[in-house]
N, C-alpha and C. Protein backbone atom coordinates (compact mmCIF):
# COMPACT_ATOMS: atom_id res chain seq x y z
N MET A 1 181.48 47.47 61.39
CA MET A 1 181.23 46.05 61.22
C MET A 1 181.20 45.77 59.71
N GLN A 2 182.02 44.82 59.31
CA GLN A 2 182.13 44.48 57.89
C GLN A 2 181.72 43.02 57.69
N LYS A 3 181.50 42.67 56.43
CA LYS A 3 181.21 41.28 56.08
C LYS A 3 182.36 40.42 56.56
N GLY A 4 182.05 39.30 57.23
CA GLY A 4 183.07 38.41 57.74
C GLY A 4 183.44 38.67 59.20
N ASP A 5 183.05 39.84 59.74
CA ASP A 5 183.33 40.15 61.15
C ASP A 5 182.43 39.34 62.06
N LYS A 6 182.92 39.07 63.26
CA LYS A 6 182.12 38.37 64.28
C LYS A 6 181.27 39.42 64.98
N ALA A 7 179.98 39.16 65.06
CA ALA A 7 179.06 40.07 65.75
C ALA A 7 179.27 39.95 67.25
N PRO A 8 178.99 41.01 68.01
CA PRO A 8 179.17 40.94 69.46
C PRO A 8 178.17 40.00 70.12
N GLU A 9 178.59 39.33 71.19
CA GLU A 9 177.69 38.41 71.90
C GLU A 9 176.54 39.17 72.55
N LEU A 10 176.85 40.26 73.24
CA LEU A 10 175.79 41.03 73.91
C LEU A 10 175.25 42.06 72.93
N LEU A 11 173.96 41.92 72.58
CA LEU A 11 173.35 42.85 71.63
C LEU A 11 172.74 44.05 72.34
N GLY A 12 172.13 43.82 73.50
CA GLY A 12 171.51 44.92 74.22
C GLY A 12 170.26 44.46 74.93
N ARG A 13 169.43 45.42 75.35
CA ARG A 13 168.19 45.10 76.06
C ARG A 13 166.99 45.39 75.17
N ASP A 14 166.01 44.48 75.22
CA ASP A 14 164.82 44.66 74.39
C ASP A 14 163.81 45.58 75.07
N GLU A 15 162.64 45.68 74.47
CA GLU A 15 161.59 46.58 74.95
C GLU A 15 161.11 46.26 76.36
N ASN A 16 161.39 45.05 76.85
CA ASN A 16 160.99 44.66 78.21
C ASN A 16 162.16 44.64 79.19
N GLY A 17 163.32 45.11 78.72
CA GLY A 17 164.49 45.13 79.59
C GLY A 17 165.26 43.82 79.64
N ASN A 18 164.85 42.85 78.81
CA ASN A 18 165.55 41.56 78.77
C ASN A 18 166.82 41.69 77.93
N GLU A 19 167.88 41.06 78.41
CA GLU A 19 169.14 41.08 77.68
C GLU A 19 169.04 40.14 76.48
N LEU A 20 169.42 40.64 75.31
CA LEU A 20 169.44 39.81 74.11
C LEU A 20 170.90 39.53 73.76
N ARG A 21 171.19 38.24 73.54
CA ARG A 21 172.54 37.82 73.19
C ARG A 21 172.52 37.11 71.84
N LEU A 22 173.62 37.16 71.17
CA LEU A 22 173.76 36.48 69.88
C LEU A 22 173.48 34.99 70.05
N SER A 23 173.93 34.41 71.16
CA SER A 23 173.75 32.97 71.39
C SER A 23 172.27 32.59 71.55
N ASP A 24 171.40 33.58 71.83
CA ASP A 24 169.95 33.31 71.91
C ASP A 24 169.42 32.85 70.55
N PHE A 25 170.15 33.17 69.48
CA PHE A 25 169.69 32.87 68.12
C PHE A 25 170.56 31.79 67.46
N ALA A 26 171.29 31.04 68.27
CA ALA A 26 172.19 30.00 67.75
C ALA A 26 171.43 29.05 66.82
N GLY A 27 172.08 28.72 65.71
CA GLY A 27 171.48 27.78 64.75
C GLY A 27 170.52 28.43 63.77
N ARG A 28 170.34 29.76 63.90
CA ARG A 28 169.45 30.48 62.99
C ARG A 28 170.20 31.71 62.47
N LYS A 29 169.74 32.21 61.35
CA LYS A 29 170.31 33.47 60.85
C LYS A 29 169.58 34.61 61.54
N LEU A 30 170.28 35.69 61.76
CA LEU A 30 169.68 36.85 62.42
C LEU A 30 169.69 38.04 61.47
N ALA A 31 168.51 38.58 61.22
CA ALA A 31 168.40 39.84 60.47
C ALA A 31 168.32 40.93 61.53
N LEU A 32 169.45 41.58 61.78
CA LEU A 32 169.54 42.64 62.77
C LEU A 32 169.39 43.95 62.00
N TYR A 33 168.21 44.56 62.14
CA TYR A 33 167.98 45.76 61.35
C TYR A 33 167.96 47.00 62.22
N PHE A 34 168.76 47.98 61.79
CA PHE A 34 168.88 49.26 62.49
C PHE A 34 167.99 50.26 61.76
N TYR A 35 167.22 51.02 62.50
CA TYR A 35 166.33 52.00 61.90
C TYR A 35 166.37 53.28 62.74
N PRO A 36 166.05 54.43 62.12
CA PRO A 36 166.19 55.71 62.82
C PRO A 36 165.27 55.96 64.00
N LYS A 37 163.95 55.74 63.85
CA LYS A 37 163.06 56.18 64.92
C LYS A 37 161.70 55.48 64.88
N ASP A 38 161.21 55.09 66.07
CA ASP A 38 159.86 54.52 66.19
C ASP A 38 158.81 55.52 65.68
N MET A 39 157.74 55.00 65.12
CA MET A 39 156.56 55.77 64.74
C MET A 39 156.76 56.75 63.58
N THR A 40 157.90 56.71 62.91
CA THR A 40 158.06 57.56 61.73
C THR A 40 157.62 56.76 60.51
N SER A 41 157.27 57.44 59.43
CA SER A 41 156.65 56.75 58.30
C SER A 41 157.51 55.65 57.69
N GLY A 42 158.77 55.96 57.37
CA GLY A 42 159.64 54.95 56.75
C GLY A 42 159.91 53.78 57.67
N CYS A 43 160.13 54.07 58.94
CA CYS A 43 160.43 53.01 59.91
C CYS A 43 159.20 52.14 60.17
N THR A 44 158.03 52.76 60.17
CA THR A 44 156.79 52.01 60.35
C THR A 44 156.55 51.10 59.15
N THR A 45 156.76 51.64 57.94
CA THR A 45 156.60 50.84 56.72
C THR A 45 157.53 49.63 56.73
N GLU A 46 158.79 49.87 57.11
CA GLU A 46 159.77 48.78 57.16
C GLU A 46 159.38 47.73 58.19
N ALA A 47 159.02 48.16 59.39
CA ALA A 47 158.65 47.23 60.47
C ALA A 47 157.42 46.42 60.08
N CYS A 48 156.44 47.06 59.46
CA CYS A 48 155.21 46.36 59.07
C CYS A 48 155.47 45.37 57.93
N ASN A 49 156.40 45.70 57.03
CA ASN A 49 156.76 44.77 55.97
C ASN A 49 157.41 43.52 56.57
N LEU A 50 158.26 43.71 57.56
CA LEU A 50 158.89 42.57 58.23
C LEU A 50 157.85 41.78 59.02
N ARG A 51 156.92 42.48 59.64
CA ARG A 51 155.83 41.80 60.38
C ARG A 51 154.99 40.96 59.42
N ASP A 52 154.59 41.55 58.30
CA ASP A 52 153.72 40.85 57.36
C ASP A 52 154.37 39.62 56.73
N ASN A 53 155.70 39.62 56.71
CA ASN A 53 156.44 38.50 56.10
C ASN A 53 157.21 37.69 57.14
N TYR A 54 156.85 37.89 58.41
CA TYR A 54 157.60 37.27 59.51
C TYR A 54 157.60 35.74 59.44
N GLN A 55 156.46 35.14 59.14
CA GLN A 55 156.39 33.67 59.08
C GLN A 55 157.27 33.13 57.95
N GLU A 56 157.28 33.85 56.85
CA GLU A 56 158.13 33.44 55.71
C GLU A 56 159.62 33.55 56.09
N LEU A 57 159.97 34.63 56.80
CA LEU A 57 161.36 34.80 57.26
C LEU A 57 161.75 33.68 58.22
N LYS A 58 160.86 33.38 59.17
CA LYS A 58 161.14 32.31 60.14
C LYS A 58 161.27 30.96 59.44
N ALA A 59 160.39 30.71 58.46
CA ALA A 59 160.43 29.45 57.72
C ALA A 59 161.74 29.30 56.96
N ALA A 60 162.34 30.44 56.57
CA ALA A 60 163.62 30.41 55.85
C ALA A 60 164.81 30.38 56.82
N GLY A 61 164.53 30.31 58.13
CA GLY A 61 165.60 30.18 59.11
C GLY A 61 166.09 31.48 59.72
N TYR A 62 165.31 32.56 59.54
CA TYR A 62 165.73 33.85 60.07
C TYR A 62 164.99 34.21 61.36
N GLU A 63 165.70 34.91 62.24
CA GLU A 63 165.09 35.62 63.36
C GLU A 63 165.25 37.09 63.01
N VAL A 64 164.34 37.92 63.50
CA VAL A 64 164.38 39.36 63.20
C VAL A 64 164.47 40.12 64.52
N VAL A 65 165.39 41.06 64.59
CA VAL A 65 165.51 41.94 65.74
C VAL A 65 165.76 43.35 65.22
N GLY A 66 164.95 44.30 65.69
CA GLY A 66 165.13 45.70 65.31
C GLY A 66 165.94 46.43 66.36
N VAL A 67 166.63 47.48 65.93
CA VAL A 67 167.44 48.29 66.86
C VAL A 67 167.26 49.76 66.52
N SER A 68 166.95 50.55 67.54
CA SER A 68 167.01 52.01 67.39
C SER A 68 167.44 52.59 68.73
N VAL A 69 167.70 53.87 68.75
CA VAL A 69 168.15 54.51 69.99
C VAL A 69 166.96 54.97 70.84
N ASP A 70 165.75 54.63 70.43
CA ASP A 70 164.55 54.95 71.23
C ASP A 70 164.58 54.11 72.52
N ASP A 71 163.86 54.58 73.54
CA ASP A 71 163.84 53.85 74.81
C ASP A 71 162.79 52.73 74.81
N GLU A 72 162.81 51.95 75.89
CA GLU A 72 161.92 50.79 76.01
C GLU A 72 160.45 51.16 75.89
N LYS A 73 160.07 52.26 76.52
CA LYS A 73 158.66 52.70 76.50
C LYS A 73 158.21 53.00 75.07
N SER A 74 159.05 53.68 74.32
CA SER A 74 158.75 54.00 72.92
C SER A 74 158.60 52.71 72.12
N HIS A 75 159.51 51.76 72.34
CA HIS A 75 159.45 50.48 71.64
C HIS A 75 158.17 49.72 71.98
N GLN A 76 157.78 49.75 73.25
CA GLN A 76 156.55 49.04 73.66
C GLN A 76 155.35 49.60 72.92
N LYS A 77 155.27 50.92 72.79
CA LYS A 77 154.15 51.55 72.07
C LYS A 77 154.18 51.18 70.59
N PHE A 78 155.37 51.20 70.01
CA PHE A 78 155.55 50.89 68.59
C PHE A 78 155.12 49.44 68.31
N ILE A 79 155.55 48.53 69.17
CA ILE A 79 155.21 47.11 69.02
C ILE A 79 153.70 46.91 69.18
N ALA A 80 153.12 47.54 70.20
CA ALA A 80 151.68 47.38 70.45
C ALA A 80 150.85 47.96 69.31
N LYS A 81 151.21 49.15 68.86
CA LYS A 81 150.43 49.81 67.81
C LYS A 81 150.46 49.02 66.50
N HIS A 82 151.60 48.42 66.18
CA HIS A 82 151.74 47.75 64.88
C HIS A 82 151.83 46.23 64.99
N GLU A 83 151.57 45.69 66.20
CA GLU A 83 151.56 44.24 66.43
C GLU A 83 152.81 43.57 65.89
N LEU A 84 153.96 44.09 66.28
CA LEU A 84 155.23 43.54 65.79
C LEU A 84 155.55 42.26 66.56
N PRO A 85 155.87 41.17 65.85
CA PRO A 85 156.11 39.88 66.51
C PRO A 85 157.57 39.64 66.91
N PHE A 86 158.42 40.65 66.73
CA PHE A 86 159.85 40.48 67.02
C PHE A 86 160.31 41.55 68.00
N PRO A 87 161.41 41.28 68.71
CA PRO A 87 161.89 42.24 69.72
C PRO A 87 162.58 43.45 69.09
N LEU A 88 162.59 44.55 69.84
CA LEU A 88 163.29 45.77 69.44
C LEU A 88 164.28 46.12 70.55
N ILE A 89 165.52 46.31 70.19
CA ILE A 89 166.54 46.68 71.17
C ILE A 89 166.52 48.18 71.38
N ALA A 90 166.50 48.58 72.65
CA ALA A 90 166.54 49.99 73.03
C ALA A 90 168.01 50.37 73.26
N ASP A 91 168.64 50.87 72.23
CA ASP A 91 170.08 51.19 72.27
C ASP A 91 170.28 52.65 72.69
N THR A 92 169.72 53.00 73.84
CA THR A 92 169.72 54.40 74.28
C THR A 92 171.13 54.94 74.53
N GLU A 93 172.06 54.06 74.85
CA GLU A 93 173.45 54.51 75.09
C GLU A 93 174.28 54.50 73.80
N LYS A 94 173.62 54.13 72.71
CA LYS A 94 174.24 54.13 71.37
C LYS A 94 175.46 53.20 71.25
N LYS A 95 175.50 52.15 72.07
CA LYS A 95 176.63 51.21 72.02
C LYS A 95 176.60 50.38 70.74
N LEU A 96 175.44 49.81 70.43
CA LEU A 96 175.33 48.91 69.28
C LEU A 96 175.43 49.68 67.96
N VAL A 97 174.75 50.84 67.87
CA VAL A 97 174.81 51.61 66.61
C VAL A 97 176.24 52.04 66.31
N GLU A 98 177.01 52.35 67.38
CA GLU A 98 178.40 52.75 67.16
C GLU A 98 179.27 51.54 66.83
N GLU A 99 179.03 50.42 67.52
CA GLU A 99 179.81 49.20 67.26
C GLU A 99 179.61 48.70 65.83
N PHE A 100 178.39 48.85 65.32
CA PHE A 100 178.10 48.40 63.95
C PHE A 100 178.38 49.48 62.91
N GLY A 101 178.73 50.69 63.38
CA GLY A 101 179.09 51.77 62.46
C GLY A 101 177.93 52.39 61.72
N VAL A 102 176.74 52.39 62.34
CA VAL A 102 175.56 52.94 61.66
C VAL A 102 175.08 54.25 62.30
N TRP A 103 175.91 54.86 63.14
CA TRP A 103 175.56 56.12 63.78
C TRP A 103 176.47 57.19 63.20
N GLY A 104 175.89 58.29 62.73
CA GLY A 104 176.73 59.34 62.17
C GLY A 104 175.94 60.56 61.80
N GLU A 105 176.64 61.49 61.17
CA GLU A 105 176.01 62.75 60.79
C GLU A 105 175.11 62.55 59.57
N LYS A 106 173.92 63.07 59.68
CA LYS A 106 172.94 63.00 58.60
C LYS A 106 172.52 64.43 58.27
N SER A 107 171.80 64.57 57.19
CA SER A 107 171.36 65.90 56.80
C SER A 107 169.95 65.81 56.23
N MET A 108 169.06 66.68 56.69
CA MET A 108 167.71 66.72 56.16
C MET A 108 167.31 68.18 56.02
N TYR A 109 166.88 68.54 54.82
CA TYR A 109 166.48 69.93 54.53
C TYR A 109 167.57 70.92 54.93
N GLY A 110 168.83 70.52 54.70
CA GLY A 110 169.95 71.40 54.99
C GLY A 110 170.39 71.41 56.45
N ARG A 111 169.60 70.74 57.32
CA ARG A 111 169.95 70.72 58.74
C ARG A 111 170.78 69.47 59.01
N LYS A 112 171.89 69.64 59.71
CA LYS A 112 172.75 68.51 60.04
C LYS A 112 172.45 68.03 61.46
N TYR A 113 172.45 66.72 61.64
CA TYR A 113 172.18 66.13 62.96
C TYR A 113 172.77 64.72 62.97
N PHE A 114 172.85 64.13 64.15
CA PHE A 114 173.36 62.76 64.25
C PHE A 114 172.18 61.80 64.35
N GLY A 115 172.31 60.66 63.69
CA GLY A 115 171.25 59.68 63.72
C GLY A 115 171.72 58.33 63.22
N THR A 116 170.77 57.41 63.13
CA THR A 116 171.04 56.04 62.71
C THR A 116 170.84 55.90 61.20
N PHE A 117 171.80 55.30 60.55
CA PHE A 117 171.67 54.98 59.13
C PHE A 117 170.92 53.66 59.02
N ARG A 118 169.82 53.67 58.28
CA ARG A 118 169.00 52.46 58.10
C ARG A 118 169.87 51.38 57.44
N THR A 119 170.17 50.33 58.18
CA THR A 119 171.07 49.28 57.70
C THR A 119 170.65 47.95 58.30
N THR A 120 170.74 46.88 57.52
CA THR A 120 170.43 45.55 58.03
C THR A 120 171.66 44.65 57.88
N PHE A 121 171.98 43.97 58.97
CA PHE A 121 173.09 43.03 58.98
C PHE A 121 172.50 41.62 59.05
N ILE A 122 172.90 40.78 58.11
CA ILE A 122 172.50 39.38 58.14
C ILE A 122 173.65 38.62 58.80
N ILE A 123 173.36 38.08 59.99
CA ILE A 123 174.37 37.38 60.77
C ILE A 123 174.10 35.88 60.67
N GLY A 124 175.10 35.14 60.25
CA GLY A 124 174.95 33.71 60.03
C GLY A 124 174.88 32.92 61.33
N GLU A 125 174.60 31.64 61.18
CA GLU A 125 174.48 30.73 62.33
C GLU A 125 175.73 30.72 63.19
N ASP A 126 176.88 31.01 62.58
CA ASP A 126 178.15 30.99 63.31
C ASP A 126 178.48 32.35 63.96
N GLY A 127 177.59 33.32 63.81
CA GLY A 127 177.80 34.61 64.46
C GLY A 127 178.60 35.62 63.65
N THR A 128 178.88 35.29 62.40
CA THR A 128 179.61 36.26 61.57
C THR A 128 178.65 36.97 60.61
N VAL A 129 179.02 38.20 60.27
CA VAL A 129 178.22 39.00 59.35
C VAL A 129 178.37 38.42 57.95
N GLU A 130 177.25 37.97 57.38
CA GLU A 130 177.27 37.38 56.04
C GLU A 130 176.95 38.40 54.95
N ARG A 131 176.06 39.32 55.28
CA ARG A 131 175.60 40.30 54.30
C ARG A 131 175.25 41.59 55.01
N ILE A 132 175.41 42.70 54.30
CA ILE A 132 174.99 44.00 54.82
C ILE A 132 174.13 44.65 53.74
N ILE A 133 172.93 45.05 54.14
CA ILE A 133 172.05 45.78 53.22
C ILE A 133 172.09 47.23 53.70
N GLY A 134 172.74 48.06 52.92
CA GLY A 134 173.01 49.44 53.35
C GLY A 134 171.87 50.40 53.14
N PRO A 135 172.04 51.62 53.68
CA PRO A 135 170.99 52.64 53.64
C PRO A 135 170.49 52.96 52.22
N LYS A 136 171.37 52.95 51.24
CA LYS A 136 170.96 53.29 49.88
C LYS A 136 170.27 52.12 49.18
N GLN A 137 170.43 50.90 49.74
CA GLN A 137 169.84 49.71 49.11
C GLN A 137 168.47 49.36 49.68
N ILE A 138 168.23 49.69 50.93
CA ILE A 138 167.00 49.24 51.60
C ILE A 138 165.76 49.86 50.99
N LYS A 139 164.81 48.98 50.68
CA LYS A 139 163.49 49.41 50.21
C LYS A 139 162.53 49.06 51.35
N VAL A 140 162.04 50.08 52.06
CA VAL A 140 161.24 49.82 53.26
C VAL A 140 159.96 49.04 52.97
N LYS A 141 159.41 49.21 51.76
CA LYS A 141 158.16 48.51 51.42
C LYS A 141 158.38 47.06 51.05
N ASP A 142 159.64 46.67 50.84
CA ASP A 142 159.94 45.34 50.33
C ASP A 142 161.16 44.75 51.03
N HIS A 143 161.35 45.12 52.29
CA HIS A 143 162.59 44.75 52.96
C HIS A 143 162.70 43.25 53.26
N ALA A 144 161.61 42.61 53.58
CA ALA A 144 161.66 41.16 53.86
C ALA A 144 162.16 40.40 52.63
N ALA A 145 161.70 40.79 51.46
CA ALA A 145 162.14 40.14 50.21
C ALA A 145 163.63 40.36 50.01
N GLN A 146 164.13 41.54 50.40
CA GLN A 146 165.57 41.80 50.26
C GLN A 146 166.37 40.87 51.19
N ILE A 147 165.85 40.65 52.39
CA ILE A 147 166.53 39.76 53.33
C ILE A 147 166.53 38.33 52.79
N LEU A 148 165.39 37.91 52.24
CA LEU A 148 165.25 36.56 51.73
C LEU A 148 166.04 36.30 50.45
N ALA A 149 166.32 37.36 49.70
CA ALA A 149 167.07 37.21 48.44
C ALA A 149 168.53 36.92 48.75
N ALA A 150 169.04 35.83 48.25
CA ALA A 150 170.44 35.47 48.49
C ALA A 150 171.32 36.39 47.67
N ASP A 151 172.52 36.61 48.16
CA ASP A 151 173.50 37.43 47.43
C ASP A 151 173.82 36.84 46.09
């Protein structure tokens, strides 16, 4: 998925099994953020930063949706533990991470494995990708400010 591409209509199912569609967010910008795993330190920091700045994001016209390959049960625990006010898509079949190109080989401590690259896509009111904040750019402690900062 590149800047200017049309985002898919069907995004996936949230933590409660509800289908989320791009049209659900019509007239608003969508910050679709992909993260590696529930309950890990960086992902928790990022989610809590978005939670703490959620009203400011909404006031600026944004909706926030998180995506990871964790299942619904894991997402429910993550949301409950950290009081997250936005939905999390359970992309267990890896459809969305592959469609957006954020799934691939990673390396930690010399061990290679497949996982999600922390990436945020800003999707405009018309459903096209306006901005991409890539893995090397994201600051988990200040991610809401990055979303709010115009290009």
